[in-house]
N, C-alpha and C. Protein backbone atom coordinates (compact mmCIF):
# COMPACT_ATOMS: atom_id res chain seq x y z
N MET A 1 -1.40 14.29 24.81
CA MET A 1 0.05 14.82 23.55
C MET A 1 0.45 16.41 23.43
N THR A 2 1.30 16.35 23.56
CA THR A 2 2.07 17.48 23.31
C THR A 2 2.08 17.63 21.28
N GLU A 3 1.65 19.01 20.78
CA GLU A 3 1.65 19.00 20.11
C GLU A 3 2.50 18.11 18.42
N HIS A 4 3.83 18.14 19.18
CA HIS A 4 5.01 17.15 18.29
C HIS A 4 4.95 15.99 18.25
N GLU A 5 3.92 15.05 19.28
CA GLU A 5 3.74 13.85 19.67
C GLU A 5 3.29 13.44 18.18
N LYS A 6 3.51 11.86 17.73
CA LYS A 6 2.28 11.61 16.68
C LYS A 6 1.98 10.08 16.89
N PRO A 7 0.18 10.26 16.96
CA PRO A 7 -0.16 9.92 17.65
C PRO A 7 -0.13 8.46 17.29
N GLN A 8 -0.17 7.59 18.55
CA GLN A 8 0.52 6.00 17.74
C GLN A 8 -0.76 4.98 17.65
N ILE A 9 -0.16 3.90 17.10
CA ILE A 9 -1.53 3.47 16.25
C ILE A 9 -1.16 2.08 17.08
N GLU A 10 -2.96 1.38 17.22
CA GLU A 10 -2.48 0.47 17.88
C GLU A 10 -2.76 -1.45 17.32
N PHE A 11 -1.99 -2.27 17.16
CA PHE A 11 -1.46 -3.62 15.69
C PHE A 11 -2.60 -4.23 16.76
N PRO A 12 -3.26 -5.16 16.16
CA PRO A 12 -3.79 -5.89 14.79
C PRO A 12 -4.79 -4.58 14.52
N CYS A 13 -4.74 -3.97 13.44
CA CYS A 13 -5.06 -3.13 12.99
C CYS A 13 -5.49 -3.56 11.45
N GLN A 14 -6.97 -2.60 10.55
CA GLN A 14 -7.01 -2.27 9.40
C GLN A 14 -6.19 -0.82 9.04
N TYR A 15 -5.30 -1.35 8.27
CA TYR A 15 -4.86 0.01 7.75
C TYR A 15 -5.03 -0.24 6.22
N PRO A 16 -5.33 1.15 5.68
CA PRO A 16 -5.27 1.11 4.17
C PRO A 16 -3.92 1.38 3.62
N ILE A 17 -3.39 1.58 2.67
CA ILE A 17 -1.79 1.31 2.03
C ILE A 17 -2.61 1.84 0.24
N LYS A 18 -2.08 3.44 0.07
CA LYS A 18 -2.15 4.26 -1.54
C LYS A 18 -1.32 4.21 -1.69
N VAL A 19 -0.83 3.56 -3.45
CA VAL A 19 -0.45 2.84 -3.83
C VAL A 19 -0.12 3.56 -5.89
N LEU A 20 0.70 5.07 -5.84
CA LEU A 20 -0.14 5.97 -6.84
C LEU A 20 1.66 5.49 -8.01
N GLY A 21 1.13 4.59 -9.36
CA GLY A 21 1.94 5.25 -10.41
C GLY A 21 0.70 5.26 -11.55
N ASP A 22 2.82 4.48 -12.35
CA ASP A 22 1.99 4.34 -13.59
C ASP A 22 0.93 3.65 -13.90
N ALA A 23 -0.81 4.12 -15.09
CA ALA A 23 -1.41 3.06 -15.09
C ALA A 23 -1.05 2.03 -16.03
N HIS A 24 -0.92 0.38 -15.05
CA HIS A 24 -0.10 -0.65 -15.97
C HIS A 24 -0.21 -1.72 -15.24
N SER A 25 -0.11 -3.04 -16.37
CA SER A 25 -0.50 -4.13 -14.99
C SER A 25 0.52 -4.38 -14.39
N GLU A 26 1.22 -4.62 -14.75
CA GLU A 26 2.53 -3.90 -14.10
C GLU A 26 2.25 -3.57 -12.45
N LEU A 27 2.25 -2.23 -12.54
CA LEU A 27 1.66 -2.61 -11.32
C LEU A 27 0.61 -2.57 -10.33
N GLN A 28 -0.09 -3.25 -10.96
CA GLN A 28 -1.46 -4.10 -9.71
C GLN A 28 -0.61 -5.51 -9.42
N GLN A 29 0.37 -5.80 -10.33
CA GLN A 29 0.58 -6.94 -10.39
C GLN A 29 1.65 -6.77 -9.01
N HIS A 30 2.30 -6.10 -8.91
CA HIS A 30 3.61 -5.81 -8.12
C HIS A 30 2.53 -5.46 -6.89
N VAL A 31 1.86 -4.90 -6.77
CA VAL A 31 1.52 -4.67 -5.13
C VAL A 31 1.29 -5.40 -4.44
N VAL A 32 0.24 -6.07 -5.73
CA VAL A 32 -0.63 -7.78 -4.92
C VAL A 32 0.96 -9.06 -4.97
N HIS A 33 1.87 -9.50 -5.75
CA HIS A 33 2.65 -9.48 -4.57
C HIS A 33 3.70 -9.31 -3.56
N VAL A 34 4.10 -7.75 -3.44
CA VAL A 34 3.98 -7.17 -2.05
C VAL A 34 3.00 -7.87 -1.13
N MET A 35 1.54 -7.73 -0.72
CA MET A 35 0.93 -7.75 -0.09
C MET A 35 1.09 -9.51 0.72
N ASN A 36 1.32 -10.16 -0.65
CA ASN A 36 1.51 -10.97 -0.53
C ASN A 36 2.14 -12.03 0.26
N SER A 37 3.75 -10.98 -0.21
CA SER A 37 4.71 -11.47 1.01
C SER A 37 4.33 -11.51 2.00
N TYR A 38 3.74 -10.25 2.11
CA TYR A 38 4.18 -8.90 3.78
C TYR A 38 3.13 -9.23 4.99
N ALA A 39 2.08 -9.27 3.82
CA ALA A 39 0.82 -9.28 4.60
C ALA A 39 -0.79 -10.25 4.69
N PRO A 40 -0.15 -11.62 6.05
CA PRO A 40 -0.94 -12.48 5.60
C PRO A 40 -2.29 -12.68 6.12
N GLY A 41 -3.06 -13.36 4.55
CA GLY A 41 -4.20 -13.33 5.26
C GLY A 41 -5.10 -11.99 3.90
N PHE A 42 -3.81 -11.47 3.72
CA PHE A 42 -4.44 -10.19 2.37
C PHE A 42 -5.18 -11.12 0.87
N ALA A 43 -6.48 -10.56 0.48
CA ALA A 43 -6.77 -10.98 -0.09
C ALA A 43 -7.66 -10.05 -1.44
N GLU A 44 -7.17 -10.07 -2.58
CA GLU A 44 -6.90 -9.38 -4.28
C GLU A 44 -8.63 -8.32 -3.55
N SER A 45 -9.05 -8.90 -3.01
CA SER A 45 -10.65 -8.52 -3.46
C SER A 45 -11.10 -6.77 -2.45
N ASP A 46 -9.44 -7.13 -1.83
CA ASP A 46 -9.07 -6.39 -0.73
C ASP A 46 -8.42 -5.37 -1.24
N ILE A 47 -8.72 -4.89 -2.58
CA ILE A 47 -7.71 -3.84 -3.79
C ILE A 47 -8.99 -3.24 -4.53
N THR A 48 -8.36 -1.52 -4.36
CA THR A 48 -9.15 -0.99 -5.02
C THR A 48 -8.55 -0.28 -6.02
N SER A 49 -9.01 -0.06 -6.51
CA SER A 49 -8.28 0.86 -7.89
C SER A 49 -8.49 2.35 -8.63
N LYS A 50 -8.01 3.15 -8.51
CA LYS A 50 -9.14 4.22 -10.06
C LYS A 50 -7.36 5.23 -10.84
N GLN A 51 -8.19 5.31 -11.73
CA GLN A 51 -7.19 5.41 -12.87
C GLN A 51 -7.55 7.08 -13.14
N SER A 52 -6.64 7.91 -14.00
CA SER A 52 -6.83 9.50 -13.76
C SER A 52 -7.56 9.13 -15.27
N SER A 53 -8.33 10.37 -15.13
CA SER A 53 -9.29 10.86 -15.77
C SER A 53 -8.12 10.88 -17.29
N LYS A 54 -7.27 10.69 -18.14
CA LYS A 54 -6.39 10.55 -18.92
C LYS A 54 -6.00 9.45 -18.70
N GLY A 55 -6.44 8.49 -18.12
CA GLY A 55 -5.60 6.77 -18.10
C GLY A 55 -3.61 6.89 -18.24
N LYS A 56 -3.25 8.07 -17.68
CA LYS A 56 -2.23 7.90 -17.44
C LYS A 56 -1.72 7.47 -15.61
N TRP A 57 -1.90 7.54 -15.14
CA TRP A 57 -1.78 7.74 -13.93
C TRP A 57 -2.50 6.30 -13.29
N GLN A 58 -2.34 6.19 -11.66
CA GLN A 58 -3.47 4.79 -11.30
C GLN A 58 -2.93 5.13 -9.67
N SER A 59 -4.43 4.59 -8.95
CA SER A 59 -4.19 4.61 -7.02
C SER A 59 -4.19 3.30 -7.76
N ILE A 60 -4.16 2.90 -6.33
CA ILE A 60 -4.16 1.25 -5.74
C ILE A 60 -4.19 1.29 -4.34
N THR A 61 -5.44 1.20 -3.73
CA THR A 61 -6.17 1.04 -2.76
C THR A 61 -5.96 -0.18 -1.98
N VAL A 62 -5.47 -1.02 -0.95
CA VAL A 62 -5.86 -2.12 -0.34
C VAL A 62 -5.26 -2.21 1.02
N VAL A 63 -6.42 -2.40 1.77
CA VAL A 63 -6.02 -2.38 3.34
C VAL A 63 -6.25 -4.34 3.59
N ILE A 64 -5.06 -3.02 4.49
CA ILE A 64 -4.63 -5.04 5.44
C ILE A 64 -5.11 -5.38 6.48
N THR A 65 -4.39 -5.78 7.06
CA THR A 65 -4.37 -5.86 8.58
C THR A 65 -2.75 -6.26 8.99
N ALA A 66 -2.78 -4.60 9.52
CA ALA A 66 -1.60 -4.79 9.91
C ALA A 66 -0.84 -5.17 11.41
N THR A 67 0.06 -5.87 11.41
CA THR A 67 0.99 -6.87 12.85
C THR A 67 1.18 -5.63 13.46
N GLY A 68 2.58 -4.41 12.86
CA GLY A 68 3.49 -3.42 13.89
C GLY A 68 3.89 -2.71 12.52
N LYS A 69 4.53 -1.82 13.59
CA LYS A 69 5.31 -1.32 12.38
C LYS A 69 6.68 -1.04 11.64
N PRO A 70 7.78 -2.86 11.58
CA PRO A 70 8.50 -3.52 10.90
C PRO A 70 7.04 -3.26 9.91
N GLN A 71 6.06 -4.24 9.49
CA GLN A 71 5.59 -5.02 8.90
C GLN A 71 5.29 -3.65 7.80
N LEU A 72 4.80 -2.81 8.68
CA LEU A 72 3.96 -0.86 7.31
C LEU A 72 5.76 -0.91 6.80
N ASP A 73 7.05 -0.93 7.71
CA ASP A 73 8.71 -0.56 7.29
C ASP A 73 8.72 -1.17 5.48
N SER A 74 8.16 -2.27 6.12
CA SER A 74 8.80 -3.43 5.16
C SER A 74 8.10 -3.32 3.23
N ILE A 75 6.17 -3.36 3.99
CA ILE A 75 5.91 -2.90 2.85
C ILE A 75 5.89 -1.80 2.17
N PHE A 76 6.46 -0.88 2.44
CA PHE A 76 6.93 0.30 2.07
C PHE A 76 7.77 0.82 0.99
N ALA A 77 8.83 -0.60 1.96
CA ALA A 77 9.98 -0.77 1.41
C ALA A 77 9.71 -0.64 -0.20
N ALA A 78 8.81 -1.98 0.23
CA ALA A 78 9.24 -3.42 -1.13
C ALA A 78 8.62 -2.73 -2.10
N LEU A 79 7.72 -1.80 -1.47
CA LEU A 79 6.80 -0.96 -2.71
C LEU A 79 7.41 -0.45 -3.39
N LYS A 80 8.11 0.21 -3.45
CA LYS A 80 8.95 1.11 -3.99
C LYS A 80 10.25 0.59 -4.59
N THR A 81 10.38 -0.11 -4.85
CA THR A 81 10.96 -1.21 -5.83
C THR A 81 10.85 -1.31 -7.08
N SER A 82 9.28 -0.46 -7.75
CA SER A 82 9.46 -0.81 -9.07
C SER A 82 9.52 0.40 -9.64
N ALA A 83 9.87 0.37 -10.70
CA ALA A 83 9.56 2.24 -11.38
C ALA A 83 8.64 2.67 -11.34
N ARG A 84 7.70 1.82 -11.70
CA ARG A 84 6.52 2.13 -12.00
C ARG A 84 5.70 2.94 -10.72
N VAL A 85 6.21 2.35 -9.80
CA VAL A 85 5.38 2.41 -7.82
C VAL A 85 6.39 5.16 -8.32
N LYS A 86 5.20 5.93 -8.31
CA LYS A 86 5.87 7.12 -7.86
C LYS A 86 4.71 7.45 -6.03
N MET A 87 4.90 7.20 -5.40
CA MET A 87 4.56 7.30 -3.95
C MET A 87 3.22 6.45 -4.16
N VAL A 88 4.36 6.08 -2.03
CA VAL A 88 2.96 5.31 -1.89
C VAL A 88 2.94 5.96 0.11
N LEU A 89 1.06 5.45 0.58
CA LEU A 89 0.86 6.56 1.28
C LEU A 89 0.22 6.06 1.72
């Protein structure tokens, strides 16, 4: 692998997605809605969340079984449609 090549992901695989945004129940509802739409077999028990020390921000991590790059691209785009979402990793 050369220095400029990205490592290839072998699908299907367990893939963590982290969403950072405003600490609000609507943020988690949005994440659940997107995962139900794009990640078959997703369970809400696959979610972990943490709030910032002052309670303003929240990070939500979801581990899904990713089936391919198009699925991940769709999930990332759908997550970014909420104004409460500030970053998706």
